Amino acid sequence: MTPYELKKGEKLKLLCTFAINGVVTTQLDCTIEAQARSKNGNDSFDFDYENKEVDTPTLGRYDLELDTAAMPVGQYRADIKYMLADGSIHFDETFEINITQPETRT
């Protein structure tokens, strides 16, 4: 997977749909968390989670947003964790995020 390329201060917004075994389903009975962690493991940053299934008629729809303003420049690895009502825990595929310093600064 190609890394997400962001400049420090930008926000990464992921528009997601929850599915189990390829079947889109409600995510109201589970907990969803996502975190970006520096490659050296010293820094971690949580994504903000917003359930869009309540606001729209779209089954399984949710958004994740990561604000990079407080993140040091560097490379990060991230994934999404799903804790289902039955107690099982699942993760999606790990993806990478590269944060670079913008050239225009105030």
N, C-alpha and C. Protein backbone atom coordinates (compact mmCIF):
# COMPACT_ATOMS: atom_id res chain seq x y z
N MET A 1 0.84 -1.17 0.00
CA MET A 1 0.00 0.00 0.00
C MET A 1 0.89 1.24 0.00
N THR A 2 0.55 2.21 -0.81
CA THR A 2 1.30 3.46 -0.89
C THR A 2 1.07 4.28 0.38
N PRO A 3 2.13 4.84 0.97
CA PRO A 3 1.95 5.64 2.19
C PRO A 3 1.15 6.91 1.93
N TYR A 4 0.44 7.36 2.94
CA TYR A 4 -0.20 8.67 2.90
C TYR A 4 0.89 9.70 3.12
N GLU A 5 0.95 10.71 2.27
CA GLU A 5 1.95 11.78 2.36
C GLU A 5 1.26 13.05 2.84
N LEU A 6 1.67 13.54 4.01
CA LEU A 6 1.07 14.74 4.59
C LEU A 6 2.16 15.69 5.05
N LYS A 7 1.83 16.97 5.04
CA LYS A 7 2.72 17.95 5.64
C LYS A 7 2.23 18.21 7.05
N LYS A 8 3.16 18.46 7.94
CA LYS A 8 2.85 18.71 9.35
C LYS A 8 1.77 19.79 9.45
N GLY A 9 0.72 19.51 10.20
CA GLY A 9 -0.39 20.44 10.37
C GLY A 9 -1.62 20.07 9.55
N GLU A 10 -1.46 19.22 8.55
CA GLU A 10 -2.61 18.77 7.76
C GLU A 10 -3.36 17.68 8.51
N LYS A 11 -4.61 17.45 8.10
CA LYS A 11 -5.42 16.40 8.70
C LYS A 11 -5.65 15.29 7.68
N LEU A 12 -5.53 14.06 8.15
CA LEU A 12 -5.83 12.89 7.33
C LEU A 12 -7.21 12.41 7.72
N LYS A 13 -8.13 12.38 6.77
CA LYS A 13 -9.49 11.90 7.05
C LYS A 13 -9.75 10.65 6.21
N LEU A 14 -10.09 9.58 6.90
CA LEU A 14 -10.40 8.31 6.24
C LEU A 14 -11.90 8.07 6.33
N LEU A 15 -12.54 7.86 5.19
CA LEU A 15 -13.96 7.55 5.13
C LEU A 15 -14.07 6.03 5.04
N CYS A 16 -14.64 5.41 6.07
CA CYS A 16 -14.57 3.95 6.21
C CYS A 16 -15.95 3.31 6.22
N THR A 17 -15.97 2.03 5.89
CA THR A 17 -17.18 1.21 5.99
C THR A 17 -16.81 -0.08 6.71
N PHE A 18 -17.58 -0.42 7.74
CA PHE A 18 -17.32 -1.60 8.54
C PHE A 18 -17.93 -2.83 7.87
N ALA A 19 -17.14 -3.89 7.74
CA ALA A 19 -17.61 -5.13 7.13
C ALA A 19 -17.00 -6.31 7.88
N ILE A 20 -17.75 -7.39 7.96
CA ILE A 20 -17.25 -8.64 8.52
C ILE A 20 -17.32 -9.69 7.42
N ASN A 21 -16.17 -10.31 7.13
CA ASN A 21 -16.06 -11.29 6.05
C ASN A 21 -16.60 -10.75 4.73
N GLY A 22 -16.32 -9.45 4.47
CA GLY A 22 -16.72 -8.82 3.23
C GLY A 22 -18.17 -8.36 3.17
N VAL A 23 -18.92 -8.55 4.25
CA VAL A 23 -20.32 -8.14 4.27
C VAL A 23 -20.46 -6.89 5.13
N VAL A 24 -20.92 -5.79 4.52
CA VAL A 24 -21.11 -4.55 5.26
C VAL A 24 -22.17 -4.77 6.32
N THR A 25 -21.86 -4.33 7.53
CA THR A 25 -22.76 -4.54 8.66
C THR A 25 -22.67 -3.35 9.61
N THR A 26 -23.57 -3.29 10.56
CA THR A 26 -23.53 -2.21 11.53
C THR A 26 -22.30 -2.33 12.42
N GLN A 27 -21.76 -1.20 12.82
CA GLN A 27 -20.62 -1.20 13.73
C GLN A 27 -21.04 -0.64 15.08
N LEU A 28 -22.34 -0.58 15.34
CA LEU A 28 -22.84 -0.03 16.59
C LEU A 28 -22.56 -0.95 17.78
N ASP A 29 -22.35 -2.23 17.52
CA ASP A 29 -22.09 -3.19 18.60
C ASP A 29 -20.60 -3.43 18.84
N CYS A 30 -19.74 -2.59 18.28
CA CYS A 30 -18.31 -2.80 18.48
C CYS A 30 -17.63 -1.47 18.80
N THR A 31 -16.38 -1.58 19.24
CA THR A 31 -15.57 -0.41 19.52
C THR A 31 -14.48 -0.33 18.45
N ILE A 32 -14.30 0.85 17.90
CA ILE A 32 -13.31 1.05 16.85
C ILE A 32 -12.29 2.08 17.33
N GLU A 33 -11.01 1.71 17.22
CA GLU A 33 -9.91 2.60 17.60
C GLU A 33 -8.85 2.55 16.51
N ALA A 34 -8.14 3.65 16.34
CA ALA A 34 -7.03 3.67 15.39
C ALA A 34 -5.91 4.53 15.97
N GLN A 35 -4.69 4.12 15.68
CA GLN A 35 -3.54 4.81 16.22
C GLN A 35 -2.40 4.79 15.21
N ALA A 36 -1.68 5.90 15.13
CA ALA A 36 -0.45 5.98 14.33
C ALA A 36 0.71 5.97 15.30
N ARG A 37 1.70 5.14 15.02
CA ARG A 37 2.86 5.01 15.91
C ARG A 37 4.12 5.24 15.09
N SER A 38 5.06 6.02 15.65
CA SER A 38 6.32 6.26 14.95
C SER A 38 7.04 4.93 14.74
N LYS A 39 7.84 4.87 13.70
CA LYS A 39 8.51 3.60 13.38
C LYS A 39 9.42 3.13 14.50
N ASN A 40 9.96 4.07 15.30
CA ASN A 40 10.80 3.66 16.42
C ASN A 40 9.97 3.30 17.66
N GLY A 41 8.65 3.52 17.58
CA GLY A 41 7.75 3.14 18.65
C GLY A 41 7.65 4.12 19.81
N ASN A 42 8.38 5.24 19.74
CA ASN A 42 8.39 6.18 20.85
C ASN A 42 7.18 7.11 20.91
N ASP A 43 6.58 7.41 19.79
CA ASP A 43 5.45 8.34 19.73
C ASP A 43 4.22 7.64 19.18
N SER A 44 3.05 7.93 19.78
CA SER A 44 1.80 7.40 19.24
C SER A 44 0.74 8.49 19.28
N PHE A 45 -0.15 8.47 18.30
CA PHE A 45 -1.19 9.47 18.15
C PHE A 45 -2.48 8.78 17.76
N ASP A 46 -3.56 9.11 18.47
CA ASP A 46 -4.86 8.50 18.22
C ASP A 46 -5.63 9.24 17.13
N PHE A 47 -6.34 8.48 16.33
CA PHE A 47 -7.29 9.04 15.37
C PHE A 47 -8.57 9.38 16.13
N ASP A 48 -9.27 10.42 15.69
CA ASP A 48 -10.60 10.71 16.20
C ASP A 48 -11.58 9.84 15.42
N TYR A 49 -12.53 9.23 16.13
CA TYR A 49 -13.52 8.34 15.53
C TYR A 49 -14.87 9.04 15.53
N GLU A 50 -15.58 8.97 14.40
CA GLU A 50 -16.93 9.52 14.31
C GLU A 50 -17.84 8.50 13.63
N ASN A 51 -18.87 8.10 14.34
CA ASN A 51 -19.85 7.16 13.80
C ASN A 51 -20.78 7.91 12.86
N LYS A 52 -20.75 7.60 11.58
CA LYS A 52 -21.61 8.26 10.60
C LYS A 52 -22.88 7.46 10.33
N GLU A 53 -22.95 6.27 10.89
CA GLU A 53 -24.13 5.42 10.68
C GLU A 53 -25.36 6.05 11.31
N VAL A 54 -25.18 6.79 12.40
CA VAL A 54 -26.29 7.44 13.09
C VAL A 54 -26.81 8.62 12.27
N ASP A 55 -25.88 9.35 11.63
CA ASP A 55 -26.24 10.58 10.92
C ASP A 55 -26.73 10.34 9.50
N THR A 56 -26.39 9.22 8.92
CA THR A 56 -26.75 8.95 7.53
C THR A 56 -27.36 7.56 7.43
N PRO A 57 -28.04 7.28 6.36
CA PRO A 57 -28.62 5.94 6.20
C PRO A 57 -27.62 4.89 5.73
N THR A 58 -26.34 5.22 5.76
CA THR A 58 -25.33 4.30 5.24
C THR A 58 -24.90 3.31 6.32
N LEU A 59 -25.21 2.07 6.12
CA LEU A 59 -24.86 1.01 7.06
C LEU A 59 -23.34 0.88 7.18
N GLY A 60 -22.85 0.81 8.41
CA GLY A 60 -21.44 0.55 8.66
C GLY A 60 -20.51 1.73 8.45
N ARG A 61 -21.00 2.89 8.14
CA ARG A 61 -20.17 4.04 7.77
C ARG A 61 -19.60 4.73 9.02
N TYR A 62 -18.28 5.00 8.98
CA TYR A 62 -17.63 5.79 10.04
C TYR A 62 -16.43 6.52 9.45
N ASP A 63 -15.99 7.57 10.14
CA ASP A 63 -14.84 8.36 9.71
C ASP A 63 -13.76 8.29 10.79
N LEU A 64 -12.52 8.34 10.34
CA LEU A 64 -11.37 8.47 11.23
C LEU A 64 -10.58 9.69 10.78
N GLU A 65 -10.14 10.50 11.74
CA GLU A 65 -9.37 11.69 11.39
C GLU A 65 -8.14 11.80 12.29
N LEU A 66 -7.01 12.12 11.68
CA LEU A 66 -5.75 12.27 12.39
C LEU A 66 -5.23 13.68 12.12
N ASP A 67 -5.06 14.45 13.19
CA ASP A 67 -4.50 15.81 13.09
C ASP A 67 -3.00 15.70 13.29
N THR A 68 -2.22 16.12 12.32
CA THR A 68 -0.77 15.95 12.38
C THR A 68 -0.04 17.14 13.02
N ALA A 69 -0.78 18.14 13.51
CA ALA A 69 -0.15 19.35 14.04
C ALA A 69 0.84 19.06 15.17
N ALA A 70 0.53 18.12 16.04
CA ALA A 70 1.41 17.81 17.19
C ALA A 70 2.40 16.69 16.89
N MET A 71 2.35 16.14 15.69
CA MET A 71 3.21 15.00 15.36
C MET A 71 4.58 15.47 14.87
N PRO A 72 5.65 14.88 15.39
CA PRO A 72 6.97 15.18 14.83
C PRO A 72 7.06 14.71 13.38
N VAL A 73 7.86 15.40 12.59
CA VAL A 73 8.12 14.97 11.21
C VAL A 73 8.70 13.57 11.26
N GLY A 74 8.24 12.70 10.37
CA GLY A 74 8.78 11.35 10.33
C GLY A 74 7.82 10.36 9.72
N GLN A 75 8.13 9.09 9.88
CA GLN A 75 7.34 8.00 9.32
C GLN A 75 6.58 7.29 10.43
N TYR A 76 5.33 6.95 10.13
CA TYR A 76 4.44 6.31 11.09
C TYR A 76 3.77 5.10 10.46
N ARG A 77 3.41 4.15 11.32
CA ARG A 77 2.62 2.98 10.90
C ARG A 77 1.32 3.05 11.67
N ALA A 78 0.22 2.68 11.03
CA ALA A 78 -1.10 2.76 11.66
C ALA A 78 -1.95 1.57 11.27
N ASP A 79 -2.93 1.27 12.11
CA ASP A 79 -3.95 0.29 11.76
C ASP A 79 -5.22 0.62 12.54
N ILE A 80 -6.26 -0.11 12.24
CA ILE A 80 -7.56 0.10 12.89
C ILE A 80 -7.89 -1.17 13.67
N LYS A 81 -8.30 -0.99 14.92
CA LYS A 81 -8.63 -2.10 15.81
C LYS A 81 -10.14 -2.15 16.01
N TYR A 82 -10.70 -3.34 15.86
CA TYR A 82 -12.14 -3.57 16.03
C TYR A 82 -12.35 -4.54 17.19
N MET A 83 -13.07 -4.13 18.21
CA MET A 83 -13.41 -5.00 19.32
C MET A 83 -14.91 -5.28 19.23
N LEU A 84 -15.24 -6.51 18.85
CA LEU A 84 -16.64 -6.89 18.62
C LEU A 84 -17.35 -7.21 19.92
N ALA A 85 -18.68 -7.23 19.86
CA ALA A 85 -19.50 -7.47 21.04
C ALA A 85 -19.20 -8.83 21.68
N ASP A 86 -18.77 -9.81 20.87
CA ASP A 86 -18.47 -11.13 21.42
C ASP A 86 -17.09 -11.20 22.10
N GLY A 87 -16.39 -10.06 22.14
CA GLY A 87 -15.09 -10.00 22.79
C GLY A 87 -13.91 -10.22 21.87
N SER A 88 -14.17 -10.61 20.63
CA SER A 88 -13.06 -10.85 19.70
C SER A 88 -12.48 -9.52 19.23
N ILE A 89 -11.19 -9.54 18.94
CA ILE A 89 -10.47 -8.36 18.49
C ILE A 89 -9.89 -8.64 17.11
N HIS A 90 -10.05 -7.67 16.22
CA HIS A 90 -9.56 -7.79 14.84
C HIS A 90 -8.84 -6.51 14.46
N PHE A 91 -7.89 -6.62 13.54
CA PHE A 91 -7.16 -5.46 13.04
C PHE A 91 -7.21 -5.46 11.52
N ASP A 92 -7.20 -4.26 10.93
CA ASP A 92 -7.10 -4.19 9.48
C ASP A 92 -5.62 -4.21 9.09
N GLU A 93 -5.36 -4.08 7.80
CA GLU A 93 -3.99 -4.06 7.29
C GLU A 93 -3.26 -2.81 7.77
N THR A 94 -2.02 -2.95 8.19
CA THR A 94 -1.21 -1.81 8.61
C THR A 94 -0.92 -0.92 7.40
N PHE A 95 -1.01 0.39 7.60
CA PHE A 95 -0.68 1.34 6.54
C PHE A 95 0.31 2.36 7.07
N GLU A 96 0.99 3.04 6.15
CA GLU A 96 2.04 3.99 6.54
C GLU A 96 1.63 5.43 6.26
N ILE A 97 2.15 6.32 7.10
CA ILE A 97 1.90 7.75 6.98
C ILE A 97 3.25 8.45 7.08
N ASN A 98 3.56 9.30 6.10
CA ASN A 98 4.79 10.08 6.13
C ASN A 98 4.43 11.54 6.38
N ILE A 99 5.03 12.13 7.43
CA ILE A 99 4.81 13.54 7.76
C ILE A 99 6.08 14.31 7.43
N THR A 100 5.95 15.33 6.59
CA THR A 100 7.10 16.16 6.23
C THR A 100 6.86 17.59 6.70
N GLN A 101 7.93 18.35 6.79
CA GLN A 101 7.85 19.76 7.22
C GLN A 101 7.41 20.61 6.03
N PRO A 102 6.41 21.46 6.19
CA PRO A 102 6.03 22.34 5.09
C PRO A 102 7.11 23.42 4.85
N GLU A 103 7.21 23.86 3.64
CA GLU A 103 8.19 24.90 3.30
C GLU A 103 7.70 26.29 3.71
N THR A 104 6.39 26.51 3.65
CA THR A 104 5.82 27.79 4.04
C THR A 104 5.44 27.72 5.51
N ARG A 105 6.05 28.55 6.33
CA ARG A 105 5.80 28.55 7.78
C ARG A 105 5.59 29.97 8.26
N THR A 106 4.80 30.09 9.32
CA THR A 106 4.58 31.43 9.88
C THR A 106 5.32 31.56 11.19
